[in-house]
């Protein structure tokens, strides 16, 4: 299995043909068997409905950071040794120190453009069955730099050309977004 994960493009990775049972957080490989669970790319919409009207106008308000978890399952003594070495990577910041985000690599997360996370919580190791299998859950929140993202959808694309004024407005909107993101325009 590769130690580094290449950017995922449509159809470039399949969990059926190339399963991956680990993630990399802050350059450290997760111990045991790692499952990625619960991540969703969720958009925020302002729904504007008038009184006594059916339907609504929508205003896009950007998207929320994705939240999910890694479930690490330990089935062998080596997994426990690896956990002892890995645990400080996801431990909470000491009092008085600033918590930071961590780079994360896993094909499923890469396919969702999730590249950095903050650790929300780490569970205690807990037994899963009576055969000696244990698990730890690491809850994560996607780290995103804030960017302006307000727009109102124009409705269904009718294939009609934009007017010169509409084209200028769209160009100005893209320029403002690029400047806000720190790009040289």
N, C-alpha and C. Protein backbone atom coordinates (compact mmCIF):
# COMPACT_ATOMS: atom_id res chain seq x y z
N UNK A 1 0.85 -1.19 0.00
CA UNK A 1 0.00 0.00 0.00
C UNK A 1 0.89 1.24 0.00
N UNK A 2 0.44 2.31 -0.69
CA UNK A 2 1.27 3.50 -0.75
C UNK A 2 1.31 4.23 0.59
N UNK A 3 2.47 4.83 0.90
CA UNK A 3 2.58 5.62 2.12
C UNK A 3 2.00 7.01 1.94
N UNK A 4 1.94 7.49 0.71
CA UNK A 4 1.39 8.81 0.42
C UNK A 4 0.23 8.63 -0.55
N UNK A 5 -0.76 9.46 -0.41
CA UNK A 5 -1.96 9.31 -1.20
C UNK A 5 -1.99 10.39 -2.28
N UNK A 6 -2.07 9.97 -3.51
CA UNK A 6 -2.14 10.92 -4.62
C UNK A 6 -3.54 11.53 -4.66
N UNK A 7 -3.67 12.74 -5.22
CA UNK A 7 -5.00 13.32 -5.34
C UNK A 7 -5.94 12.38 -6.07
N UNK A 8 -7.15 12.29 -5.57
CA UNK A 8 -8.13 11.39 -6.15
C UNK A 8 -8.87 12.11 -7.26
N UNK A 9 -8.88 11.50 -8.42
CA UNK A 9 -9.68 12.03 -9.52
C UNK A 9 -10.78 11.03 -9.78
N UNK A 10 -11.77 11.45 -10.51
CA UNK A 10 -12.91 10.59 -10.77
C UNK A 10 -12.45 9.23 -11.30
N UNK A 11 -12.78 8.18 -10.57
CA UNK A 11 -12.47 6.84 -11.02
C UNK A 11 -11.04 6.40 -10.76
N UNK A 12 -10.21 7.21 -10.07
CA UNK A 12 -8.81 6.82 -9.90
C UNK A 12 -8.58 5.92 -8.70
N UNK A 13 -9.54 5.78 -7.82
CA UNK A 13 -9.37 4.92 -6.66
C UNK A 13 -10.67 4.20 -6.39
N UNK A 14 -10.56 2.96 -6.04
CA UNK A 14 -11.74 2.17 -5.73
C UNK A 14 -11.47 1.35 -4.47
N UNK A 15 -12.36 1.43 -3.47
CA UNK A 15 -12.15 0.62 -2.27
C UNK A 15 -12.26 -0.88 -2.55
N UNK A 16 -12.83 -1.24 -3.69
CA UNK A 16 -12.94 -2.67 -4.02
C UNK A 16 -11.64 -3.22 -4.59
N UNK A 17 -10.97 -2.43 -5.44
CA UNK A 17 -9.74 -2.92 -6.07
C UNK A 17 -8.49 -2.55 -5.28
N UNK A 18 -8.53 -1.50 -4.49
CA UNK A 18 -7.36 -1.07 -3.72
C UNK A 18 -7.79 -0.59 -2.33
N UNK A 19 -8.26 -1.51 -1.47
CA UNK A 19 -8.71 -1.08 -0.15
C UNK A 19 -7.55 -0.51 0.67
N UNK A 20 -7.85 0.44 1.50
CA UNK A 20 -6.82 1.03 2.36
C UNK A 20 -7.35 1.04 3.78
N UNK A 21 -6.64 0.40 4.68
CA UNK A 21 -7.12 0.27 6.05
C UNK A 21 -6.35 1.17 7.02
N UNK A 22 -5.82 2.28 6.52
CA UNK A 22 -5.15 3.24 7.40
C UNK A 22 -5.32 4.64 6.82
N UNK A 23 -5.14 5.63 7.69
CA UNK A 23 -5.06 7.02 7.27
C UNK A 23 -3.72 7.55 7.76
N UNK A 24 -3.34 8.70 7.26
CA UNK A 24 -2.13 9.35 7.74
C UNK A 24 -2.54 10.70 8.32
N UNK A 25 -2.20 10.92 9.59
CA UNK A 25 -2.52 12.18 10.27
C UNK A 25 -1.21 12.80 10.72
N UNK A 26 -0.97 14.04 10.29
CA UNK A 26 0.26 14.76 10.65
C UNK A 26 1.49 13.90 10.36
N UNK A 27 1.44 13.18 9.25
CA UNK A 27 2.58 12.36 8.84
C UNK A 27 2.69 11.03 9.54
N UNK A 28 1.76 10.71 10.45
CA UNK A 28 1.80 9.46 11.20
C UNK A 28 0.70 8.52 10.71
N UNK A 29 1.07 7.29 10.44
CA UNK A 29 0.09 6.29 10.00
C UNK A 29 -0.73 5.82 11.20
N UNK A 30 -2.06 5.73 11.00
CA UNK A 30 -2.93 5.26 12.08
C UNK A 30 -2.66 3.79 12.37
N UNK A 31 -2.74 3.40 13.65
CA UNK A 31 -2.51 1.99 14.01
C UNK A 31 -3.76 1.15 13.77
N UNK A 32 -3.57 -0.15 13.76
CA UNK A 32 -4.69 -1.06 13.62
C UNK A 32 -5.36 -0.94 12.27
N UNK A 33 -6.65 -1.23 12.26
CA UNK A 33 -7.46 -1.14 11.04
C UNK A 33 -8.31 0.11 11.16
N UNK A 34 -8.21 1.01 10.17
CA UNK A 34 -8.89 2.30 10.23
C UNK A 34 -10.08 2.32 9.28
N UNK A 35 -11.25 2.71 9.81
CA UNK A 35 -12.44 2.94 8.98
C UNK A 35 -12.79 4.42 9.07
N UNK A 36 -13.14 5.00 7.93
CA UNK A 36 -13.59 6.39 7.86
C UNK A 36 -15.11 6.36 7.86
N UNK A 37 -15.75 7.12 8.77
CA UNK A 37 -17.21 7.06 8.89
C UNK A 37 -17.82 8.45 9.07
N UNK A 38 -18.98 8.65 8.46
CA UNK A 38 -19.85 9.77 8.79
C UNK A 38 -19.56 11.11 8.14
N UNK A 39 -18.53 11.23 7.32
CA UNK A 39 -18.23 12.53 6.71
C UNK A 39 -19.24 12.87 5.63
N UNK A 40 -19.71 14.13 5.62
CA UNK A 40 -20.65 14.61 4.61
C UNK A 40 -20.24 16.02 4.21
N UNK A 41 -20.25 16.31 2.91
CA UNK A 41 -20.10 17.68 2.44
C UNK A 41 -21.49 18.30 2.46
N UNK A 42 -21.70 19.26 3.38
CA UNK A 42 -23.03 19.82 3.58
C UNK A 42 -23.01 21.31 3.23
N UNK A 43 -23.92 21.72 2.34
CA UNK A 43 -24.06 23.13 1.97
C UNK A 43 -25.02 23.82 2.92
N UNK A 44 -24.84 25.14 3.09
CA UNK A 44 -25.77 25.94 3.89
C UNK A 44 -26.61 26.77 2.93
N UNK A 45 -27.91 26.72 3.11
CA UNK A 45 -28.85 27.47 2.27
C UNK A 45 -29.76 28.32 3.13
N UNK A 46 -29.97 29.54 2.71
CA UNK A 46 -30.95 30.42 3.32
C UNK A 46 -32.21 30.26 2.48
N UNK A 47 -33.28 29.74 3.07
CA UNK A 47 -34.53 29.50 2.33
C UNK A 47 -35.47 30.66 2.62
N UNK A 48 -35.81 31.41 1.57
CA UNK A 48 -36.66 32.59 1.74
C UNK A 48 -38.04 32.31 1.14
N UNK A 49 -39.02 32.20 2.03
CA UNK A 49 -40.39 31.93 1.62
C UNK A 49 -41.26 33.14 1.96
N UNK A 50 -42.12 33.49 1.03
CA UNK A 50 -43.06 34.57 1.29
C UNK A 50 -44.32 34.04 1.93
N UNK A 51 -45.06 34.91 2.64
CA UNK A 51 -46.31 34.45 3.24
C UNK A 51 -47.34 34.08 2.16
N UNK A 52 -48.01 32.99 2.37
CA UNK A 52 -49.06 32.50 1.47
C UNK A 52 -48.53 32.19 0.07
N UNK A 53 -47.26 31.82 -0.03
CA UNK A 53 -46.66 31.47 -1.32
C UNK A 53 -46.10 30.05 -1.25
N UNK A 54 -46.24 29.33 -2.34
CA UNK A 54 -45.58 28.03 -2.45
C UNK A 54 -44.21 28.27 -3.07
N UNK A 55 -43.27 27.42 -2.75
CA UNK A 55 -41.92 27.59 -3.29
C UNK A 55 -41.11 28.56 -2.45
N UNK A 56 -39.89 28.78 -2.87
CA UNK A 56 -39.00 29.66 -2.11
C UNK A 56 -37.83 30.07 -2.99
N UNK A 57 -37.19 31.14 -2.60
CA UNK A 57 -35.93 31.55 -3.21
C UNK A 57 -34.82 31.04 -2.30
N UNK A 58 -33.76 30.56 -2.92
CA UNK A 58 -32.65 30.03 -2.16
C UNK A 58 -31.45 30.96 -2.27
N UNK A 59 -30.72 31.08 -1.18
CA UNK A 59 -29.49 31.85 -1.19
C UNK A 59 -28.40 30.95 -0.62
N UNK A 60 -27.40 30.71 -1.44
CA UNK A 60 -26.29 29.86 -1.03
C UNK A 60 -25.43 30.60 -0.01
N UNK A 61 -25.13 29.94 1.10
CA UNK A 61 -24.37 30.56 2.18
C UNK A 61 -23.06 29.82 2.45
N UNK A 62 -22.54 29.16 1.44
CA UNK A 62 -21.29 28.43 1.61
C UNK A 62 -21.53 27.03 2.11
N UNK A 63 -20.52 26.45 2.71
CA UNK A 63 -20.69 25.10 3.21
C UNK A 63 -20.07 24.98 4.59
N UNK A 64 -20.54 23.98 5.30
CA UNK A 64 -20.08 23.73 6.66
C UNK A 64 -18.88 22.80 6.61
N UNK A 65 -17.98 22.93 7.56
CA UNK A 65 -16.90 21.96 7.64
C UNK A 65 -17.49 20.56 7.88
N UNK A 66 -16.96 19.59 7.18
CA UNK A 66 -17.42 18.21 7.34
C UNK A 66 -16.99 17.69 8.71
N UNK A 67 -17.81 16.81 9.26
CA UNK A 67 -17.49 16.18 10.53
C UNK A 67 -17.68 14.68 10.37
N UNK A 68 -16.83 13.93 10.99
CA UNK A 68 -16.92 12.48 10.93
C UNK A 68 -15.94 11.88 11.90
N UNK A 69 -15.65 10.60 11.71
CA UNK A 69 -14.74 9.96 12.65
C UNK A 69 -13.93 8.87 11.97
N UNK A 70 -12.81 8.58 12.61
CA UNK A 70 -12.01 7.42 12.27
C UNK A 70 -12.23 6.41 13.38
N UNK A 71 -12.50 5.19 13.01
CA UNK A 71 -12.63 4.11 13.99
C UNK A 71 -11.42 3.21 13.80
N UNK A 72 -10.57 3.16 14.82
CA UNK A 72 -9.38 2.33 14.79
C UNK A 72 -9.66 1.05 15.56
N UNK A 73 -9.49 -0.08 14.89
CA UNK A 73 -9.75 -1.38 15.51
C UNK A 73 -8.44 -2.10 15.73
N UNK A 74 -8.25 -2.59 16.96
CA UNK A 74 -7.01 -3.27 17.34
C UNK A 74 -7.30 -4.75 17.55
N UNK A 75 -6.60 -5.60 16.81
CA UNK A 75 -6.82 -7.04 16.90
C UNK A 75 -5.53 -7.81 17.24
N UNK A 76 -4.39 -7.10 17.24
CA UNK A 76 -3.10 -7.75 17.48
C UNK A 76 -2.30 -6.95 18.51
N UNK A 77 -1.40 -7.61 19.23
CA UNK A 77 -0.56 -6.88 20.19
C UNK A 77 0.21 -5.72 19.56
N UNK A 78 0.66 -5.87 18.32
CA UNK A 78 1.40 -4.79 17.66
C UNK A 78 0.55 -3.54 17.50
N UNK A 79 -0.76 -3.71 17.30
CA UNK A 79 -1.66 -2.55 17.18
C UNK A 79 -1.61 -1.70 18.44
N UNK A 80 -1.50 -2.34 19.62
CA UNK A 80 -1.43 -1.59 20.89
C UNK A 80 -0.13 -0.82 20.99
N UNK A 81 0.97 -1.43 20.58
CA UNK A 81 2.26 -0.72 20.58
C UNK A 81 2.21 0.47 19.64
N UNK A 82 1.61 0.27 18.47
CA UNK A 82 1.48 1.35 17.49
C UNK A 82 0.59 2.47 18.04
N UNK A 83 -0.48 2.10 18.77
CA UNK A 83 -1.38 3.11 19.35
C UNK A 83 -0.64 3.96 20.37
N UNK A 84 0.17 3.33 21.20
CA UNK A 84 0.93 4.06 22.21
C UNK A 84 1.82 5.11 21.55
N UNK A 85 2.42 4.77 20.42
CA UNK A 85 3.28 5.72 19.70
C UNK A 85 2.45 6.79 18.97
N UNK A 86 1.26 6.42 18.49
CA UNK A 86 0.43 7.33 17.68
C UNK A 86 -0.41 8.28 18.53
N UNK A 87 -0.86 7.85 19.70
CA UNK A 87 -1.81 8.61 20.52
C UNK A 87 -1.42 10.07 20.74
N UNK A 88 -0.16 10.40 20.99
CA UNK A 88 0.18 11.83 21.19
C UNK A 88 -0.16 12.71 19.97
N UNK A 89 -0.24 12.12 18.79
CA UNK A 89 -0.57 12.88 17.58
C UNK A 89 -1.98 13.47 17.67
N UNK A 90 -2.90 12.75 18.30
CA UNK A 90 -4.30 13.20 18.36
C UNK A 90 -4.72 13.64 19.76
N UNK A 91 -3.78 13.68 20.70
CA UNK A 91 -4.10 14.11 22.06
C UNK A 91 -4.42 15.59 22.06
N UNK A 92 -5.31 16.02 22.95
CA UNK A 92 -5.68 17.44 23.03
C UNK A 92 -4.46 18.27 23.43
N UNK A 93 -4.50 19.54 23.00
CA UNK A 93 -3.40 20.46 23.31
C UNK A 93 -3.38 20.73 24.82
N UNK A 94 -2.19 20.83 25.40
CA UNK A 94 -2.10 21.15 26.83
C UNK A 94 -2.71 22.52 27.11
N UNK A 95 -3.19 22.71 28.34
CA UNK A 95 -3.75 24.01 28.72
C UNK A 95 -2.74 25.11 28.45
N UNK A 96 -3.22 26.20 27.92
CA UNK A 96 -2.34 27.33 27.62
C UNK A 96 -1.73 27.28 26.24
N UNK A 97 -1.82 26.14 25.57
CA UNK A 97 -1.30 26.02 24.20
C UNK A 97 -2.45 26.03 23.22
N UNK A 98 -2.18 26.56 22.06
CA UNK A 98 -3.20 26.67 21.03
C UNK A 98 -3.31 25.35 20.26
N UNK A 99 -4.53 24.87 20.12
CA UNK A 99 -4.76 23.67 19.31
C UNK A 99 -4.57 24.02 17.84
N UNK A 100 -4.08 23.08 17.08
CA UNK A 100 -3.85 23.32 15.65
C UNK A 100 -4.56 22.26 14.83
N UNK A 101 -4.69 22.55 13.55
CA UNK A 101 -5.26 21.55 12.65
C UNK A 101 -4.13 20.63 12.18
N UNK A 102 -4.53 19.45 11.72
CA UNK A 102 -3.57 18.44 11.29
C UNK A 102 -3.86 18.04 9.85
N UNK A 103 -2.82 17.81 9.08
CA UNK A 103 -3.02 17.29 7.73
C UNK A 103 -3.47 15.84 7.83
N UNK A 104 -4.38 15.47 6.92
CA UNK A 104 -4.88 14.09 6.92
C UNK A 104 -4.91 13.58 5.49
N UNK A 105 -4.57 12.31 5.34
CA UNK A 105 -4.60 11.68 4.02
C UNK A 105 -5.33 10.34 4.10
N UNK A 106 -6.33 10.21 3.27
CA UNK A 106 -7.04 8.94 3.06
C UNK A 106 -7.81 9.13 1.76
N UNK A 107 -7.86 8.13 0.90
CA UNK A 107 -8.53 8.30 -0.41
C UNK A 107 -9.98 8.75 -0.30
N UNK A 108 -10.71 8.26 0.69
CA UNK A 108 -12.11 8.67 0.83
C UNK A 108 -12.19 10.15 1.16
N UNK A 109 -11.36 10.61 2.08
CA UNK A 109 -11.36 12.02 2.45
C UNK A 109 -10.82 12.89 1.31
N UNK A 110 -9.82 12.40 0.61
CA UNK A 110 -9.27 13.15 -0.53
C UNK A 110 -10.33 13.33 -1.61
N UNK A 111 -11.19 12.32 -1.80
CA UNK A 111 -12.25 12.44 -2.81
C UNK A 111 -13.28 13.49 -2.42
N UNK A 112 -13.30 13.87 -1.13
CA UNK A 112 -14.21 14.91 -0.64
C UNK A 112 -13.48 16.24 -0.44
N UNK A 113 -12.24 16.32 -0.90
CA UNK A 113 -11.39 17.50 -0.73
C UNK A 113 -11.14 17.85 0.74
N UNK A 114 -11.10 16.86 1.59
CA UNK A 114 -10.77 17.07 3.00
C UNK A 114 -9.30 16.77 3.17
N UNK A 115 -8.53 17.80 3.50
CA UNK A 115 -7.08 17.68 3.60
C UNK A 115 -6.53 18.01 4.99
N UNK A 116 -7.33 18.71 5.81
CA UNK A 116 -6.89 19.09 7.14
C UNK A 116 -8.06 18.99 8.10
N UNK A 117 -7.76 18.60 9.33
CA UNK A 117 -8.81 18.40 10.33
C UNK A 117 -8.34 18.88 11.69
N UNK A 118 -9.31 19.10 12.57
CA UNK A 118 -9.05 19.33 13.98
C UNK A 118 -9.63 18.14 14.72
N UNK A 119 -8.98 17.74 15.77
CA UNK A 119 -9.46 16.61 16.57
C UNK A 119 -10.49 17.14 17.56
N UNK A 120 -11.73 16.64 17.46
CA UNK A 120 -12.80 17.06 18.37
C UNK A 120 -12.78 16.21 19.64
N UNK A 121 -12.56 14.91 19.48
CA UNK A 121 -12.50 14.03 20.66
C UNK A 121 -11.84 12.71 20.29
N UNK A 122 -11.31 12.07 21.32
CA UNK A 122 -10.73 10.73 21.19
C UNK A 122 -11.34 9.89 22.30
N UNK A 123 -11.95 8.77 21.92
CA UNK A 123 -12.58 7.92 22.93
C UNK A 123 -11.54 7.07 23.65
N UNK A 124 -11.97 6.52 24.76
CA UNK A 124 -11.12 5.54 25.43
C UNK A 124 -11.12 4.27 24.59
N UNK A 125 -10.07 3.47 24.66
CA UNK A 125 -10.15 2.16 24.00
C UNK A 125 -11.27 1.35 24.65
N UNK A 126 -12.07 0.71 23.83
CA UNK A 126 -13.21 -0.06 24.34
C UNK A 126 -13.26 -1.41 23.65
N UNK A 127 -13.62 -2.46 24.39
CA UNK A 127 -13.73 -3.78 23.77
C UNK A 127 -14.90 -3.82 22.79
N UNK A 128 -14.68 -4.50 21.67
CA UNK A 128 -15.70 -4.63 20.64
C UNK A 128 -16.39 -5.99 20.74
N UNK A 129 -15.62 -7.01 21.08
CA UNK A 129 -16.17 -8.36 21.19
C UNK A 129 -15.41 -9.11 22.28
N UNK A 130 -15.76 -10.38 22.47
CA UNK A 130 -15.09 -11.18 23.50
C UNK A 130 -13.89 -11.95 22.94
N UNK A 131 -13.44 -11.58 21.75
CA UNK A 131 -12.29 -12.24 21.12
C UNK A 131 -11.02 -11.40 21.22
N UNK A 132 -11.09 -10.30 22.00
CA UNK A 132 -9.91 -9.47 22.18
C UNK A 132 -9.79 -8.30 21.23
N UNK A 133 -10.85 -7.99 20.50
CA UNK A 133 -10.84 -6.85 19.59
C UNK A 133 -11.24 -5.59 20.36
N UNK A 134 -10.47 -4.53 20.18
CA UNK A 134 -10.72 -3.25 20.83
C UNK A 134 -10.81 -2.17 19.76
N UNK A 135 -11.43 -1.02 20.11
CA UNK A 135 -11.56 0.08 19.16
C UNK A 135 -11.43 1.42 19.87
N UNK A 136 -10.94 2.40 19.11
CA UNK A 136 -10.86 3.79 19.54
C UNK A 136 -11.52 4.62 18.44
N UNK A 137 -12.36 5.58 18.83
CA UNK A 137 -12.98 6.48 17.86
C UNK A 137 -12.36 7.87 17.99
N UNK A 138 -11.97 8.43 16.85
CA UNK A 138 -11.39 9.77 16.80
C UNK A 138 -12.34 10.64 15.99
N UNK A 139 -13.04 11.55 16.67
CA UNK A 139 -13.97 12.45 15.99
C UNK A 139 -13.21 13.65 15.45
N UNK A 140 -13.48 13.99 14.18
CA UNK A 140 -12.74 15.03 13.48
C UNK A 140 -13.67 16.09 12.90
N UNK A 141 -13.16 17.30 12.78
CA UNK A 141 -13.86 18.40 12.12
C UNK A 141 -12.93 18.93 11.04
N UNK A 142 -13.45 19.04 9.83
CA UNK A 142 -12.64 19.55 8.72
C UNK A 142 -12.18 20.98 9.01
N UNK A 143 -10.92 21.26 8.74
CA UNK A 143 -10.40 22.62 8.89
C UNK A 143 -10.48 23.31 7.54
N UNK A 144 -11.13 24.47 7.51
CA UNK A 144 -11.27 25.26 6.28
C UNK A 144 -10.96 26.72 6.58
N UNK A 145 -10.16 27.34 5.74
CA UNK A 145 -9.97 28.78 5.85
C UNK A 145 -11.28 29.44 5.42
N UNK A 146 -11.74 30.46 6.13
CA UNK A 146 -12.99 31.12 5.72
C UNK A 146 -12.84 31.84 4.38
N UNK A 147 -13.82 31.67 3.53
CA UNK A 147 -13.88 32.33 2.23
C UNK A 147 -15.29 32.87 2.02
N UNK A 148 -15.44 34.03 1.38
CA UNK A 148 -16.80 34.51 1.11
C UNK A 148 -17.50 33.57 0.13
N UNK A 149 -18.76 33.26 0.42
CA UNK A 149 -19.48 32.31 -0.43
C UNK A 149 -20.97 32.59 -0.37
N UNK A 150 -21.39 33.75 -0.80
CA UNK A 150 -22.81 34.07 -0.81
C UNK A 150 -23.23 34.26 -2.25
N UNK A 151 -24.27 33.58 -2.65
CA UNK A 151 -24.80 33.77 -4.00
C UNK A 151 -26.24 33.31 -4.04
N UNK A 152 -26.97 33.82 -5.00
CA UNK A 152 -28.34 33.40 -5.21
C UNK A 152 -28.41 32.67 -6.54
N UNK A 153 -28.88 31.42 -6.55
CA UNK A 153 -28.97 30.70 -7.80
C UNK A 153 -29.87 31.42 -8.79
N UNK A 154 -29.52 31.35 -10.07
CA UNK A 154 -30.32 32.01 -11.09
C UNK A 154 -31.51 31.16 -11.51
N UNK A 155 -31.61 29.97 -11.02
CA UNK A 155 -32.66 29.07 -11.47
C UNK A 155 -32.08 28.08 -12.46
N UNK A 156 -32.93 27.39 -13.16
CA UNK A 156 -32.48 26.38 -14.11
C UNK A 156 -31.76 27.03 -15.27
N UNK A 157 -30.71 26.38 -15.75
CA UNK A 157 -29.96 26.88 -16.90
C UNK A 157 -30.81 26.66 -18.15
N UNK A 158 -31.14 27.75 -18.82
CA UNK A 158 -31.97 27.66 -20.03
C UNK A 158 -31.13 27.65 -21.28
N UNK A 159 -29.82 27.79 -21.14
CA UNK A 159 -28.95 27.81 -22.30
C UNK A 159 -28.85 29.18 -22.94
N UNK A 160 -29.53 30.18 -22.37
CA UNK A 160 -29.50 31.52 -22.94
C UNK A 160 -28.20 32.22 -22.56
N UNK A 161 -27.74 33.09 -23.45
CA UNK A 161 -26.54 33.87 -23.21
C UNK A 161 -26.80 34.90 -22.13
N UNK A 162 -25.75 35.21 -21.34
CA UNK A 162 -25.85 36.27 -20.35
C UNK A 162 -25.76 37.62 -21.06
N UNK A 163 -26.42 38.60 -20.48
CA UNK A 163 -26.32 39.96 -21.01
C UNK A 163 -24.94 40.50 -20.64
N UNK A 164 -24.47 41.55 -21.32
CA UNK A 164 -23.16 42.12 -20.97
C UNK A 164 -23.09 42.55 -19.49
N UNK A 165 -24.17 43.08 -18.95
CA UNK A 165 -24.18 43.50 -17.55
C UNK A 165 -24.06 42.27 -16.65
N UNK A 166 -24.77 41.17 -16.96
CA UNK A 166 -24.69 39.96 -16.17
C UNK A 166 -23.28 39.37 -16.22
N UNK A 167 -22.64 39.40 -17.41
CA UNK A 167 -21.27 38.91 -17.53
C UNK A 167 -20.32 39.73 -16.67
N UNK A 168 -20.50 41.06 -16.67
CA UNK A 168 -19.64 41.93 -15.87
C UNK A 168 -19.83 41.67 -14.37
N UNK A 169 -21.07 41.47 -13.96
CA UNK A 169 -21.35 41.17 -12.56
C UNK A 169 -20.68 39.86 -12.15
N UNK A 170 -20.79 38.84 -12.99
CA UNK A 170 -20.16 37.55 -12.67
C UNK A 170 -18.65 37.67 -12.62
N UNK A 171 -18.05 38.42 -13.54
CA UNK A 171 -16.61 38.62 -13.53
C UNK A 171 -16.17 39.36 -12.27
N UNK A 172 -16.92 40.40 -11.88
CA UNK A 172 -16.59 41.15 -10.66
C UNK A 172 -16.73 40.27 -9.42
N UNK A 173 -17.74 39.41 -9.40
CA UNK A 173 -17.94 38.50 -8.27
C UNK A 173 -16.76 37.55 -8.15
N UNK A 174 -16.28 37.00 -9.28
CA UNK A 174 -15.13 36.10 -9.24
C UNK A 174 -13.87 36.84 -8.79
N UNK A 175 -13.70 38.07 -9.24
CA UNK A 175 -12.54 38.87 -8.84
C UNK A 175 -12.55 39.15 -7.34
N UNK A 176 -13.70 39.51 -6.80
CA UNK A 176 -13.82 39.79 -5.37
C UNK A 176 -13.51 38.52 -4.56
N UNK A 177 -14.05 37.39 -4.99
CA UNK A 177 -13.79 36.13 -4.29
C UNK A 177 -12.31 35.78 -4.33
N UNK A 178 -11.66 35.98 -5.48
CA UNK A 178 -10.24 35.69 -5.60
C UNK A 178 -9.42 36.61 -4.71
N UNK A 179 -9.76 37.90 -4.66
CA UNK A 179 -9.04 38.83 -3.80
C UNK A 179 -9.22 38.47 -2.33
N UNK A 180 -10.44 38.08 -1.95
CA UNK A 180 -10.70 37.69 -0.58
C UNK A 180 -9.91 36.45 -0.20
N UNK A 181 -9.64 35.58 -1.17
CA UNK A 181 -8.89 34.36 -0.92
C UNK A 181 -7.38 34.62 -0.92
N UNK A 182 -6.98 35.85 -1.23
CA UNK A 182 -5.58 36.20 -1.21
C UNK A 182 -4.86 36.00 -2.52
N UNK A 183 -5.59 35.78 -3.60
CA UNK A 183 -4.96 35.57 -4.90
C UNK A 183 -4.55 36.92 -5.50
N UNK A 184 -3.49 36.87 -6.31
CA UNK A 184 -3.08 38.07 -7.04
C UNK A 184 -3.92 38.15 -8.30
N UNK A 185 -4.63 39.26 -8.45
CA UNK A 185 -5.50 39.42 -9.61
C UNK A 185 -4.95 40.51 -10.52
